[in-house]
C-alpha atoms as a PDB file:
ATOM      1  CA  MET A   1      30.926 -31.266  30.131  1.00  0.00           C
ATOM      2  CA  LYS A   2      29.499 -34.616  31.080  1.00  0.00           C
ATOM      3  CA  ILE A   3      30.630 -37.925  29.672  1.00  0.00           C
ATOM      4  CA  THR A   4      27.102 -39.004  28.766  1.00  0.00           C
ATOM      5  CA  SER A   5      27.563 -38.318  25.068  1.00  0.00           C
ATOM      6  CA  ALA A   6      30.660 -40.489  25.016  1.00  0.00           C
ATOM      7  CA  LEU A   7      28.705 -43.463  26.318  1.00  0.00           C
ATOM      8  CA  SER A   8      26.082 -43.625  23.603  1.00  0.00           C
ATOM      9  CA  ILE A   9      26.338 -46.543  21.132  1.00  0.00           C
ATOM     10  CA  SER A  10      25.609 -45.871  17.461  1.00  0.00           C
ATOM     11  CA  PHE A  11      23.509 -48.353  15.578  1.00  0.00           C
ATOM     12  CA  LEU A  12      23.584 -48.695  11.771  1.00  0.00           C
ATOM     13  CA  LEU A  13      20.200 -49.389  10.235  1.00  0.00           C
ATOM     14  CA  PHE A  14      19.621 -51.272   7.017  1.00  0.00           C
ATOM     15  CA  ILE A  15      16.912 -50.053   4.642  1.00  0.00           C
ATOM     16  CA  LEU A  16      15.511 -53.055   2.843  1.00  0.00           C
ATOM     17  CA  ILE A  17      13.857 -52.464  -0.497  1.00  0.00           C
ATOM     18  CA  THR A  18      11.531 -55.373  -1.008  1.00  0.00           C
ATOM     19  CA  ALA A  19       9.673 -54.522  -4.195  1.00  0.00           C
ATOM     20  CA  CYS A  20      11.129 -56.857  -6.844  1.00  0.00           C
ATOM     21  CA  GLU A  21      14.405 -56.940  -4.951  1.00  0.00           C
ATOM     22  CA  LYS A  22      16.161 -59.689  -3.021  1.00  0.00           C
ATOM     23  CA  GLU A  23      17.039 -59.066   0.597  1.00  0.00           C
ATOM     24  CA  PHE A  24      20.703 -58.063   0.919  1.00  0.00           C
ATOM     25  CA  THR A  25      22.769 -59.667   3.655  1.00  0.00           C
ATOM     26  CA  PRO A  26      26.230 -58.106   4.085  1.00  0.00           C
ATOM     27  CA  GLU A  27      29.268 -60.337   4.317  1.00  0.00           C
ATOM     28  CA  THR A  28      30.778 -60.494   7.772  1.00  0.00           C
ATOM     29  CA  THR A  29      34.472 -59.784   8.239  1.00  0.00           C
ATOM     30  CA  TYR A  30      34.402 -59.945  12.039  1.00  0.00           C
ATOM     31  CA  ASP A  31      37.677 -61.422  13.314  1.00  0.00           C
ATOM     32  CA  GLY A  32      37.055 -60.872  16.995  1.00  0.00           C
ATOM     33  CA  PRO A  33      36.805 -57.826  19.248  1.00  0.00           C
ATOM     34  CA  GLU A  34      39.091 -54.826  18.891  1.00  0.00           C
ATOM     35  CA  MET A  35      39.765 -52.316  21.625  1.00  0.00           C
ATOM     36  CA  VAL A  36      37.741 -49.130  21.253  1.00  0.00           C
ATOM     37  CA  VAL A  37      39.225 -46.078  22.958  1.00  0.00           C
ATOM     38  CA  GLU A  38      37.458 -42.838  23.741  1.00  0.00           C
ATOM     39  CA  GLY A  39      39.739 -40.586  25.731  1.00  0.00           C
ATOM     40  CA  TYR A  40      40.082 -36.843  26.228  1.00  0.00           C
ATOM     41  CA  ILE A  41      42.473 -34.417  27.869  1.00  0.00           C
ATOM     42  CA  THR A  42      41.204 -30.855  28.037  1.00  0.00           C
ATOM     43  CA  LYS A  43      42.404 -27.448  29.185  1.00  0.00           C
ATOM     44  CA  GLY A  44      39.742 -24.941  30.178  1.00  0.00           C
ATOM     45  CA  SER A  45      37.856 -23.473  33.115  1.00  0.00           C
ATOM     46  CA  GLY A  46      36.187 -26.311  35.005  1.00  0.00           C
ATOM     47  CA  ALA A  47      37.536 -28.941  32.601  1.00  0.00           C
ATOM     48  CA  LEU A  48      37.266 -32.593  33.593  1.00  0.00           C
ATOM     49  CA  PRO A  49      40.441 -34.466  34.504  1.00  0.00           C
ATOM     50  CA  PRO A  50      41.808 -36.668  31.707  1.00  0.00           C
ATOM     51  CA  TYR A  51      39.670 -39.770  31.225  1.00  0.00           C
ATOM     52  CA  VAL A  52      39.543 -42.819  28.966  1.00  0.00           C
ATOM     53  CA  ILE A  53      36.644 -45.156  28.252  1.00  0.00           C
ATOM     54  CA  LEU A  54      37.687 -48.627  27.100  1.00  0.00           C
ATOM     55  CA  THR A  55      35.243 -50.928  25.374  1.00  0.00           C
ATOM     56  CA  LYS A  56      35.492 -53.727  22.851  1.00  0.00           C
ATOM     57  CA  SER A  57      33.912 -53.888  19.438  1.00  0.00           C
ATOM     58  CA  ILE A  58      31.102 -56.359  18.838  1.00  0.00           C
ATOM     59  CA  GLU A  59      29.908 -58.132  15.744  1.00  0.00           C
ATOM     60  CA  TYR A  60      27.679 -56.055  13.460  1.00  0.00           C
ATOM     61  CA  SER A  61      24.755 -58.488  13.733  1.00  0.00           C
ATOM     62  CA  SER A  62      24.872 -58.748  17.545  1.00  0.00           C
ATOM     63  CA  SER A  63      21.711 -58.048  19.511  1.00  0.00           C
ATOM     64  CA  ILE A  64      22.266 -55.250  22.025  1.00  0.00           C
ATOM     65  CA  GLY A  65      21.025 -55.985  25.532  1.00  0.00           C
ATOM     66  CA  SER A  66      22.031 -55.195  29.105  1.00  0.00           C
ATOM     67  CA  ASP A  67      24.245 -58.301  29.172  1.00  0.00           C
ATOM     68  CA  ILE A  68      26.186 -57.070  26.120  1.00  0.00           C
ATOM     69  CA  LEU A  69      26.503 -53.560  27.579  1.00  0.00           C
ATOM     70  CA  THR A  70      27.775 -54.952  30.870  1.00  0.00           C
ATOM     71  CA  ASP A  71      30.387 -57.077  29.123  1.00  0.00           C
ATOM     72  CA  ILE A  72      31.498 -54.408  26.662  1.00  0.00           C
ATOM     73  CA  PHE A  73      33.745 -52.513  29.112  1.00  0.00           C
ATOM     74  CA  ILE A  74      37.393 -53.548  29.393  1.00  0.00           C
ATOM     75  CA  HIS A  75      38.499 -53.883  33.010  1.00  0.00           C
ATOM     76  CA  ASN A  76      41.817 -54.081  34.855  1.00  0.00           C
ATOM     77  CA  ALA A  77      43.790 -52.423  32.070  1.00  0.00           C
ATOM     78  CA  GLU A  78      47.010 -50.484  32.658  1.00  0.00           C
ATOM     79  CA  VAL A  79      46.278 -47.022  31.283  1.00  0.00           C
ATOM     80  CA  SER A  80      48.957 -44.345  31.477  1.00  0.00           C
ATOM     81  CA  ILE A  81      49.452 -40.796  30.206  1.00  0.00           C
ATOM     82  CA  SER A  82      52.839 -39.138  29.698  1.00  0.00           C
ATOM     83  CA  ASP A  83      53.627 -35.491  28.975  1.00  0.00           C
ATOM     84  CA  GLY A  84      57.267 -36.194  28.084  1.00  0.00           C
ATOM     85  CA  ASN A  85      58.480 -35.498  31.616  1.00  0.00           C
ATOM     86  CA  ASN A  86      55.997 -37.210  33.906  1.00  0.00           C
ATOM     87  CA  LYS A  87      53.886 -40.332  33.585  1.00  0.00           C
ATOM     88  CA  VAL A  88      50.686 -41.008  35.520  1.00  0.00           C
ATOM     89  CA  GLN A  89      48.626 -44.162  35.844  1.00  0.00           C
ATOM     90  CA  LEU A  90      44.880 -43.752  35.460  1.00  0.00           C
ATOM     91  CA  GLN A  91      42.582 -45.491  37.933  1.00  0.00           C
ATOM     92  CA  GLU A  92      39.544 -47.502  36.894  1.00  0.00           C
ATOM     93  CA  LEU A  93      36.341 -46.204  38.434  1.00  0.00           C
ATOM     94  CA  CYS A  94      32.842 -47.602  38.006  1.00  0.00           C
ATOM     95  CA  VAL A  95      29.593 -46.059  39.176  1.00  0.00           C
ATOM     96  CA  SER A  96      28.944 -49.224  41.184  1.00  0.00           C
ATOM     97  CA  ASP A  97      32.136 -48.576  43.183  1.00  0.00           C
ATOM     98  CA  LEU A  98      30.572 -45.444  44.639  1.00  0.00           C
ATOM     99  CA  GLN A  99      27.182 -46.795  45.634  1.00  0.00           C
ATOM    100  CA  ALA A 100      28.284 -47.541  49.216  1.00  0.00           C
ATOM    101  CA  LEU A 101      29.440 -43.952  49.830  1.00  0.00           C
ATOM    102  CA  PRO A 102      27.225 -41.304  51.464  1.00  0.00           C
ATOM    103  CA  PRO A 103      25.034 -39.785  48.719  1.00  0.00           C
ATOM    104  CA  VAL A 104      26.516 -36.281  49.054  1.00  0.00           C
ATOM    105  CA  LEU A 105      30.085 -37.551  48.634  1.00  0.00           C
ATOM    106  CA  ARG A 106      29.132 -39.969  45.836  1.00  0.00           C
ATOM    107  CA  ASP A 107      27.345 -37.253  43.858  1.00  0.00           C
ATOM    108  CA  ALA A 108      30.250 -34.839  44.286  1.00  0.00           C
ATOM    109  CA  ILE A 109      32.729 -37.387  42.890  1.00  0.00           C
ATOM    110  CA  LEU A 110      30.450 -38.286  39.974  1.00  0.00           C
ATOM    111  CA  GLN A 111      30.029 -34.617  39.092  1.00  0.00           C
ATOM    112  CA  ALA A 112      33.773 -33.941  39.357  1.00  0.00           C
ATOM    113  CA  ILE A 113      34.646 -36.649  36.838  1.00  0.00           C
ATOM    114  CA  GLY A 114      31.636 -36.090  34.602  1.00  0.00           C
ATOM    115  CA  ILE A 115      29.801 -39.404  35.082  1.00  0.00           C
ATOM    116  CA  PRO A 116      26.017 -39.092  35.304  1.00  0.00           C
ATOM    117  CA  ASN A 117      24.455 -40.310  38.555  1.00  0.00           C
ATOM    118  CA  ILE A 118      23.077 -43.543  37.130  1.00  0.00           C
ATOM    119  CA  ASN A 119      20.486 -45.711  38.843  1.00  0.00           C
ATOM    120  CA  LEU A 120      22.062 -49.134  38.315  1.00  0.00           C
ATOM    121  CA  ASP A 121      18.842 -50.931  39.183  1.00  0.00           C
ATOM    122  CA  SER A 122      16.988 -49.197  36.361  1.00  0.00           C
ATOM    123  CA  THR A 123      19.715 -49.378  33.683  1.00  0.00           C
ATOM    124  CA  GLY A 124      20.867 -52.935  34.299  1.00  0.00           C
ATOM    125  CA  PHE A 125      24.500 -52.120  33.456  1.00  0.00           C
ATOM    126  CA  ASP A 126      27.435 -50.303  34.997  1.00  0.00           C
ATOM    127  CA  VAL A 127      29.507 -47.445  33.583  1.00  0.00           C
ATOM    128  CA  CYS A 128      33.295 -47.559  34.008  1.00  0.00           C
ATOM    129  CA  ILE A 129      36.081 -45.163  33.042  1.00  0.00           C
ATOM    130  CA  TYR A 130      39.789 -44.717  33.680  1.00  0.00           C
ATOM    131  CA  THR A 131      40.636 -41.307  35.088  1.00  0.00           C
ATOM    132  CA  ASP A 132      43.341 -39.302  36.826  1.00  0.00           C
ATOM    133  CA  LEU A 133      41.765 -39.076  40.286  1.00  0.00           C
ATOM    134  CA  LEU A 134      44.504 -36.722  41.507  1.00  0.00           C
ATOM    135  CA  GLY A 135      43.500 -34.395  38.683  1.00  0.00           C
ATOM    136  CA  ILE A 136      40.226 -33.733  40.496  1.00  0.00           C
ATOM    137  CA  VAL A 137      42.145 -31.808  43.167  1.00  0.00           C
ATOM    138  CA  GLY A 138      44.714 -30.325  40.807  1.00  0.00           C
ATOM    139  CA  LEU A 139      47.558 -32.733  41.621  1.00  0.00           C
ATOM    140  CA  GLY A 140      47.494 -34.850  38.481  1.00  0.00           C
ATOM    141  CA  ILE A 141      49.381 -34.561  35.214  1.00  0.00           C
ATOM    142  CA  ASP A 142      50.156 -31.029  34.028  1.00  0.00           C
ATOM    143  CA  VAL A 143      47.448 -30.218  31.472  1.00  0.00           C
ATOM    144  CA  ARG A 144      48.521 -27.163  29.483  1.00  0.00           C
ATOM    145  CA  GLU A 145      48.094 -25.499  26.122  1.00  0.00           C
ATOM    146  CA  GLY A 146      50.880 -26.489  23.765  1.00  0.00           C
ATOM    147  CA  GLY A 147      51.426 -29.798  25.598  1.00  0.00           C
ATOM    148  CA  THR A 148      51.825 -33.195  23.924  1.00  0.00           C
ATOM    149  CA  TYR A 149      50.373 -36.257  25.651  1.00  0.00           C
ATOM    150  CA  ASP A 150      51.084 -39.916  24.965  1.00  0.00           C
ATOM    151  CA  LEU A 151      48.554 -42.602  25.880  1.00  0.00           C
ATOM    152  CA  GLU A 152      49.485 -46.251  26.453  1.00  0.00           C
ATOM    153  CA  ILE A 153      47.037 -49.061  27.236  1.00  0.00           C
ATOM    154  CA  ILE A 154      47.927 -52.615  28.172  1.00  0.00           C
ATOM    155  CA  ALA A 155      45.043 -55.034  28.621  1.00  0.00           C
ATOM    156  CA  ASP A 156      44.613 -58.795  28.613  1.00  0.00           C
ATOM    157  CA  ASP A 157      43.643 -60.319  25.248  1.00  0.00           C
ATOM    158  CA  PHE A 158      44.573 -57.160  23.322  1.00  0.00           C
ATOM    159  CA  ASP A 159      47.720 -55.788  21.737  1.00  0.00           C
ATOM    160  CA  THR A 160      49.309 -52.768  23.392  1.00  0.00           C
ATOM    161  CA  VAL A 161      47.488 -49.636  22.244  1.00  0.00           C
ATOM    162  CA  THR A 162      49.139 -46.226  21.905  1.00  0.00           C
ATOM    163  CA  ALA A 163      48.137 -42.742  20.759  1.00  0.00           C
ATOM    164  CA  THR A 164      49.446 -39.171  20.883  1.00  0.00           C
ATOM    165  CA  THR A 165      47.546 -35.904  20.993  1.00  0.00           C
ATOM    166  CA  THR A 166      48.322 -32.232  21.547  1.00  0.00           C
ATOM    167  CA  ILE A 167      46.406 -29.426  23.211  1.00  0.00           C
ATOM    168  CA  PRO A 168      46.371 -26.378  20.907  1.00  0.00           C
ATOM    169  CA  TYR A 169      46.424 -22.829  22.161  1.00  0.00           C
ATOM    170  CA  GLY A 170      42.930 -21.415  22.477  1.00  0.00           C
ATOM    171  CA  VAL A 171      41.597 -18.822  20.051  1.00  0.00           C
ATOM    172  CA  LEU A 172      39.420 -16.155  21.650  1.00  0.00           C
ATOM    173  CA  ILE A 173      35.974 -15.040  20.499  1.00  0.00           C
ATOM    174  CA  ASP A 174      35.600 -11.246  20.467  1.00  0.00           C
ATOM    175  CA  SER A 175      32.001 -11.136  21.684  1.00  0.00           C
ATOM    176  CA  LEU A 176      28.469 -12.579  21.490  1.00  0.00           C
ATOM    177  CA  SER A 177      25.312 -10.749  20.504  1.00  0.00           C
ATOM    178  CA  TYR A 178      21.784 -11.627  19.415  1.00  0.00           C
ATOM    179  CA  ARG A 179      19.395 -10.549  16.682  1.00  0.00           C
ATOM    180  CA  HIS A 180      15.721 -10.989  15.918  1.00  0.00           C
ATOM    181  CA  HIS A 181      14.337 -14.168  14.424  1.00  0.00           C
ATOM    182  CA  PRO A 182      14.109 -13.884  10.596  1.00  0.00           C
ATOM    183  CA  SER A 183      10.286 -13.868  10.939  1.00  0.00           C
ATOM    184  CA  TYR A 184      10.236 -11.031  13.489  1.00  0.00           C
ATOM    185  CA  PRO A 185       7.861  -9.467  14.506  1.00  0.00           C
ATOM    186  CA  ALA A 186       5.559 -12.405  13.687  1.00  0.00           C
ATOM    187  CA  ASN A 187       7.924 -14.535  15.773  1.00  0.00           C
ATOM    188  CA  ASP A 188       9.053 -12.344  18.653  1.00  0.00           C
ATOM    189  CA  SER A 189      10.024 -15.054  21.167  1.00  0.00           C
ATOM    190  CA  LEU A 190      12.998 -16.634  19.378  1.00  0.00           C
ATOM    191  CA  VAL A 191      16.377 -15.057  18.579  1.00  0.00           C
ATOM    192  CA  GLU A 192      19.612 -15.908  16.800  1.00  0.00           C
ATOM    193  CA  VAL A 193      22.863 -15.783  18.740  1.00  0.00           C
ATOM    194  CA  VAL A 194      25.833 -14.387  16.831  1.00  0.00           C
ATOM    195  CA  ALA A 195      29.544 -14.764  17.608  1.00  0.00           C
ATOM    196  CA  HIS A 196      32.061 -12.145  16.454  1.00  0.00           C
ATOM    197  CA  PHE A 197      35.491 -13.508  15.767  1.00  0.00           C
ATOM    198  CA  ARG A 198      38.899 -12.925  14.186  1.00  0.00           C
ATOM    199  CA  ASP A 199      40.687 -16.033  13.004  1.00  0.00           C
ATOM    200  CA  PRO A 200      44.475 -15.987  13.450  1.00  0.00           C
ATOM    201  CA  ILE A 201      46.823 -17.338  10.820  1.00  0.00           C
ATOM    202  CA  GLY A 202      46.565 -21.101  11.110  1.00  0.00           C
ATOM    203  CA  PRO A 203      45.763 -23.735  10.311  1.00  0.00           C
ATOM    204  CA  ASN A 204      43.220 -23.841  13.147  1.00  0.00           C
ATOM    205  CA  TYR A 205      40.636 -26.491  13.958  1.00  0.00           C
ATOM    206  CA  TYR A 206      37.517 -25.687  15.947  1.00  0.00           C
ATOM    207  CA  ARG A 207      34.659 -27.433  17.718  1.00  0.00           C
ATOM    208  CA  SER A 208      31.764 -25.575  19.307  1.00  0.00           C
ATOM    209  CA  PHE A 209      29.256 -26.298  22.068  1.00  0.00           C
ATOM    210  CA  SER A 210      26.330 -24.352  23.456  1.00  0.00           C
ATOM    211  CA  GLN A 211      24.418 -24.386  26.703  1.00  0.00           C
ATOM    212  CA  ARG A 212      20.949 -22.964  27.303  1.00  0.00           C
ATOM    213  CA  ASN A 213      20.317 -21.925  30.911  1.00  0.00           C
ATOM    214  CA  GLU A 214      21.019 -24.917  33.197  1.00  0.00           C
ATOM    215  CA  GLU A 215      20.921 -27.550  30.462  1.00  0.00           C
ATOM    216  CA  SER A 216      23.994 -29.613  29.591  1.00  0.00           C
ATOM    217  CA  PHE A 217      26.451 -28.517  26.933  1.00  0.00           C
ATOM    218  CA  TYR A 218      25.687 -30.018  23.537  1.00  0.00           C
ATOM    219  CA  PRO A 219      27.743 -29.921  20.329  1.00  0.00           C
ATOM    220  CA  SER A 220      26.656 -26.888  18.350  1.00  0.00           C
ATOM    221  CA  SER A 221      27.074 -26.280  14.660  1.00  0.00           C
ATOM    222  CA  THR A 222      27.775 -22.830  13.294  1.00  0.00           C
ATOM    223  CA  GLN A 223      26.236 -21.248  10.227  1.00  0.00           C
ATOM    224  CA  GLY A 224      27.898 -22.596   7.097  1.00  0.00           C
ATOM    225  CA  THR A 225      29.231 -25.788   8.680  1.00  0.00           C
ATOM    226  CA  ASN A 226      27.911 -29.333   8.586  1.00  0.00           C
ATOM    227  CA  GLY A 227      28.471 -30.459  12.162  1.00  0.00           C
ATOM    228  CA  SER A 228      30.170 -29.154  15.282  1.00  0.00           C
ATOM    229  CA  VAL A 229      33.699 -28.938  13.820  1.00  0.00           C
ATOM    230  CA  SER A 230      35.272 -26.631  11.265  1.00  0.00           C
ATOM    231  CA  ASN A 231      38.665 -25.544  10.033  1.00  0.00           C
ATOM    232  CA  ASP A 232      39.790 -22.121   8.811  1.00  0.00           C
ATOM    233  CA  LYS A 233      40.724 -23.139   5.292  1.00  0.00           C
ATOM    234  CA  ILE A 234      38.343 -20.621   3.676  1.00  0.00           C
ATOM    235  CA  PHE A 235      38.491 -17.817   6.264  1.00  0.00           C
ATOM    236  CA  GLU A 236      42.057 -17.917   7.568  1.00  0.00           C
ATOM    237  CA  GLY A 237      43.109 -14.596   9.033  1.00  0.00           C
ATOM    238  CA  GLN A 238      39.710 -12.954   8.504  1.00  0.00           C
ATOM    239  CA  ALA A 239      37.346 -11.187  10.895  1.00  0.00           C
ATOM    240  CA  PHE A 240      33.681 -12.106  10.573  1.00  0.00           C
ATOM    241  CA  SER A 241      30.477 -12.972  12.447  1.00  0.00           C
ATOM    242  CA  PHE A 242      28.595 -16.268  12.420  1.00  0.00           C
ATOM    243  CA  SER A 243      25.359 -17.622  13.820  1.00  0.00           C
ATOM    244  CA  VAL A 244      25.568 -20.096  16.683  1.00  0.00           C
ATOM    245  CA  ILE A 245      23.151 -22.952  16.040  1.00  0.00           C
ATOM    246  CA  ARG A 246      21.778 -24.097  19.402  1.00  0.00           C
ATOM    247  CA  GLY A 247      22.847 -27.639  20.271  1.00  0.00           C
ATOM    248  CA  GLN A 248      20.304 -29.977  21.778  1.00  0.00           C
ATOM    249  CA  ASP A 249      19.942 -33.443  23.227  1.00  0.00           C
ATOM    250  CA  PRO A 250      19.983 -35.826  20.225  1.00  0.00           C
ATOM    251  CA  PHE A 251      17.374 -37.996  21.972  1.00  0.00           C
ATOM    252  CA  SER A 252      14.905 -35.152  22.559  1.00  0.00           C
ATOM    253  CA  ASP A 253      11.964 -34.350  20.305  1.00  0.00           C
ATOM    254  CA  PHE A 254      12.928 -32.387  17.204  1.00  0.00           C
ATOM    255  CA  ASP A 255      11.007 -29.184  16.527  1.00  0.00           C
ATOM    256  CA  PHE A 256      11.841 -27.697  13.144  1.00  0.00           C
ATOM    257  CA  ASN A 257      10.335 -24.333  14.104  1.00  0.00           C
ATOM    258  CA  THR A 258      12.641 -23.797  17.082  1.00  0.00           C
ATOM    259  CA  PHE A 259      15.713 -25.749  16.000  1.00  0.00           C
ATOM    260  CA  GLY A 260      18.921 -23.738  16.341  1.00  0.00           C
ATOM    261  CA  TYR A 261      17.298 -20.722  18.000  1.00  0.00           C
ATOM    262  CA  PHE A 262      17.308 -19.445  21.568  1.00  0.00           C
ATOM    263  CA  TRP A 263      14.460 -17.845  23.513  1.00  0.00           C
ATOM    264  CA  ARG A 264      14.222 -14.361  24.930  1.00  0.00           C
ATOM    265  CA  GLY A 265      15.154 -14.517  28.609  1.00  0.00           C
ATOM    266  CA  ASP A 266      17.705 -17.297  28.049  1.00  0.00           C
ATOM    267  CA  GLN A 267      21.222 -17.304  29.380  1.00  0.00           C
ATOM    268  CA  VAL A 268      23.442 -18.690  26.610  1.00  0.00           C
ATOM    269  CA  THR A 269      26.940 -20.065  27.128  1.00  0.00           C
ATOM    270  CA  PHE A 270      29.066 -20.682  24.050  1.00  0.00           C
ATOM    271  CA  ARG A 271      32.124 -22.928  24.367  1.00  0.00           C
ATOM    272  CA  ALA A 272      34.747 -22.470  21.636  1.00  0.00           C
ATOM    273  CA  SER A 273      37.179 -25.397  21.535  1.00  0.00           C
ATOM    274  CA  ASN A 274      40.448 -25.772  19.642  1.00  0.00           C
ATOM    275  CA  LEU A 275      41.539 -29.243  18.488  1.00  0.00           C
ATOM    276  CA  ASP A 276      44.561 -30.705  16.806  1.00  0.00           C
ATOM    277  CA  TYR A 277      44.163 -32.077  13.273  1.00  0.00           C
ATOM    278  CA  ALA A 278      43.672 -35.754  14.185  1.00  0.00           C
ATOM    279  CA  HIS A 279      41.021 -34.888  16.769  1.00  0.00           C
ATOM    280  CA  PHE A 280      39.286 -32.626  14.254  1.00  0.00           C
ATOM    281  CA  ARG A 281      39.263 -35.349  11.588  1.00  0.00           C
ATOM    282  CA  PHE A 282      37.784 -37.882  13.995  1.00  0.00           C
ATOM    283  CA  TRP A 283      34.748 -35.698  14.692  1.00  0.00           C
ATOM    284  CA  GLN A 284      34.475 -34.470  11.099  1.00  0.00           C
ATOM    285  CA  THR A 285      34.331 -38.001   9.675  1.00  0.00           C
ATOM    286  CA  LEU A 286      32.137 -39.304  12.501  1.00  0.00           C
ATOM    287  CA  GLU A 287      29.575 -36.526  12.122  1.00  0.00           C
ATOM    288  CA  TYR A 288      29.617 -36.774   8.339  1.00  0.00           C
ATOM    289  CA  ASN A 289      29.051 -40.518   8.521  1.00  0.00           C
ATOM    290  CA  THR A 290      26.244 -40.100  11.062  1.00  0.00           C
ATOM    291  CA  GLY A 291      24.529 -37.538   8.836  1.00  0.00           C
ATOM    292  CA  SER A 292      24.849 -39.655   5.689  1.00  0.00           C
ATOM    293  CA  GLN A 293      22.458 -42.431   6.674  1.00  0.00           C
ATOM    294  CA  GLY A 294      19.580 -43.385   4.405  1.00  0.00           C
ATOM    295  CA  PRO A 295      19.038 -45.147   1.095  1.00  0.00           C
ATOM    296  CA  PHE A 296      21.292 -42.741  -0.810  1.00  0.00           C
ATOM    297  CA  GLY A 297      23.860 -42.195   1.926  1.00  0.00           C
ATOM    298  CA  THR A 298      27.556 -42.898   1.478  1.00  0.00           C
ATOM    299  CA  TYR A 299      29.807 -44.468   4.067  1.00  0.00           C
ATOM    300  CA  THR A 300      32.879 -42.573   5.242  1.00  0.00           C
ATOM    301  CA  ARG A 301      35.571 -44.363   7.231  1.00  0.00           C
ATOM    302  CA  ILE A 302      35.909 -42.722  10.623  1.00  0.00           C
ATOM    303  CA  GLU A 303      39.504 -41.611  11.071  1.00  0.00           C
ATOM    304  CA  SER A 304      41.346 -42.578  14.250  1.00  0.00           C
ATOM    305  CA  ASN A 305      44.681 -41.771  15.878  1.00  0.00           C
ATOM    306  CA  ILE A 306      44.674 -44.998  17.901  1.00  0.00           C
ATOM    307  CA  LYS A 307      47.470 -47.427  17.029  1.00  0.00           C
ATOM    308  CA  GLY A 308      46.407 -51.001  17.705  1.00  0.00           C
ATOM    309  CA  GLY A 309      42.717 -50.217  18.139  1.00  0.00           C
ATOM    310  CA  LEU A 310      39.856 -47.893  17.221  1.00  0.00           C
ATOM    311  CA  GLY A 311      38.593 -44.570  18.518  1.00  0.00           C
ATOM    312  CA  ILE A 312      40.158 -41.298  19.620  1.00  0.00           C
ATOM    313  CA  TRP A 313      42.618 -39.856  22.119  1.00  0.00           C
ATOM    314  CA  GLY A 314      41.817 -36.180  21.796  1.00  0.00           C
ATOM    315  CA  GLY A 315      43.307 -33.050  23.277  1.00  0.00           C
ATOM    316  CA  SER A 316      41.563 -29.677  23.255  1.00  0.00           C
ATOM    317  CA  SER A 317      41.472 -26.287  24.897  1.00  0.00           C
ATOM    318  CA  TYR A 318      38.413 -24.110  25.265  1.00  0.00           C
ATOM    319  CA  ASN A 319      37.084 -20.743  26.345  1.00  0.00           C
ATOM    320  CA  GLU A 320      33.498 -19.991  27.366  1.00  0.00           C
ATOM    321  CA  TYR A 321      31.389 -16.889  26.755  1.00  0.00           C
ATOM    322  CA  THR A 322      28.036 -16.022  28.320  1.00  0.00           C
ATOM    323  CA  LEU A 323      25.229 -13.894  26.904  1.00  0.00           C
ATOM    324  CA  ASP A 324      22.077 -12.913  28.812  1.00  0.00           C
ATOM    325  CA  ILE A 325      19.237 -12.300  26.381  1.00  0.00           C
ATOM    326  CA  PRO A 326      16.655  -9.854  27.759  1.00  0.00           C
ATOM    327  CA  GLU A 327      12.962 -10.760  27.808  1.00  0.00           C
END
């Protein structure tokens, strides 16, 4: 999975009602930048090595430009991960650091750590992360199901930041299948993908992703959920089937007629992830808050397991399943 989704910045939009109403200007409570952490440690086939993105919060009313984006990353921090027995120091790596390397080697490193191959001249800003470079060749910290991992960050101008996460044991999907579009045979090119599953006694916390052909993995909701995460509170211990709603690039054009469906001839890969509770609550509150925008929306505080800052240090395990849909 690439890190691209982790680098997007969310903007809150005001809706101003001008008819017989005064313009509302919110009070500012900005007391200076806080450290924002987005870090993940994952167990699964082809998983990225542990990585952490460090940025600083900016004032709500700030104008976002390339100068702000360049300055938003926190550099020269001491970032370490401990599994209770061993402690490793993460190395800071920016895309600009790799520009002098031969293209084949540069692209291989970028792909291994999940950073998109960015054209710095066109974007006007650099992308930096902290990662376990030895993890690329399997010599880094021991990433395992059932493990507990402590994160510590020391950076100039900020308090020491800490967080703890666990990697749950993965829960297996029984199988994938497909069925006709509800409007079949009028619509004979689209299909629904269905996952068949038995939930073990929990509690269990899930997040799902889907991939269509050679596209990237995108968070994928499942039928009956509002977002990519779910828990087993209402189906604990049960066997059932559910529709996999195709994930897609949030910046691509939205087509209501094809949303959530796959096409005949597609190869579909479904990634079933298991999270701990804090990681689950981060995504649940974030996705709920993102989906509650508008004049009648309600704000939900995004939960965090970061002590001394904002964001998430999240562990997960995953299994992937592939389905080839015939033409």
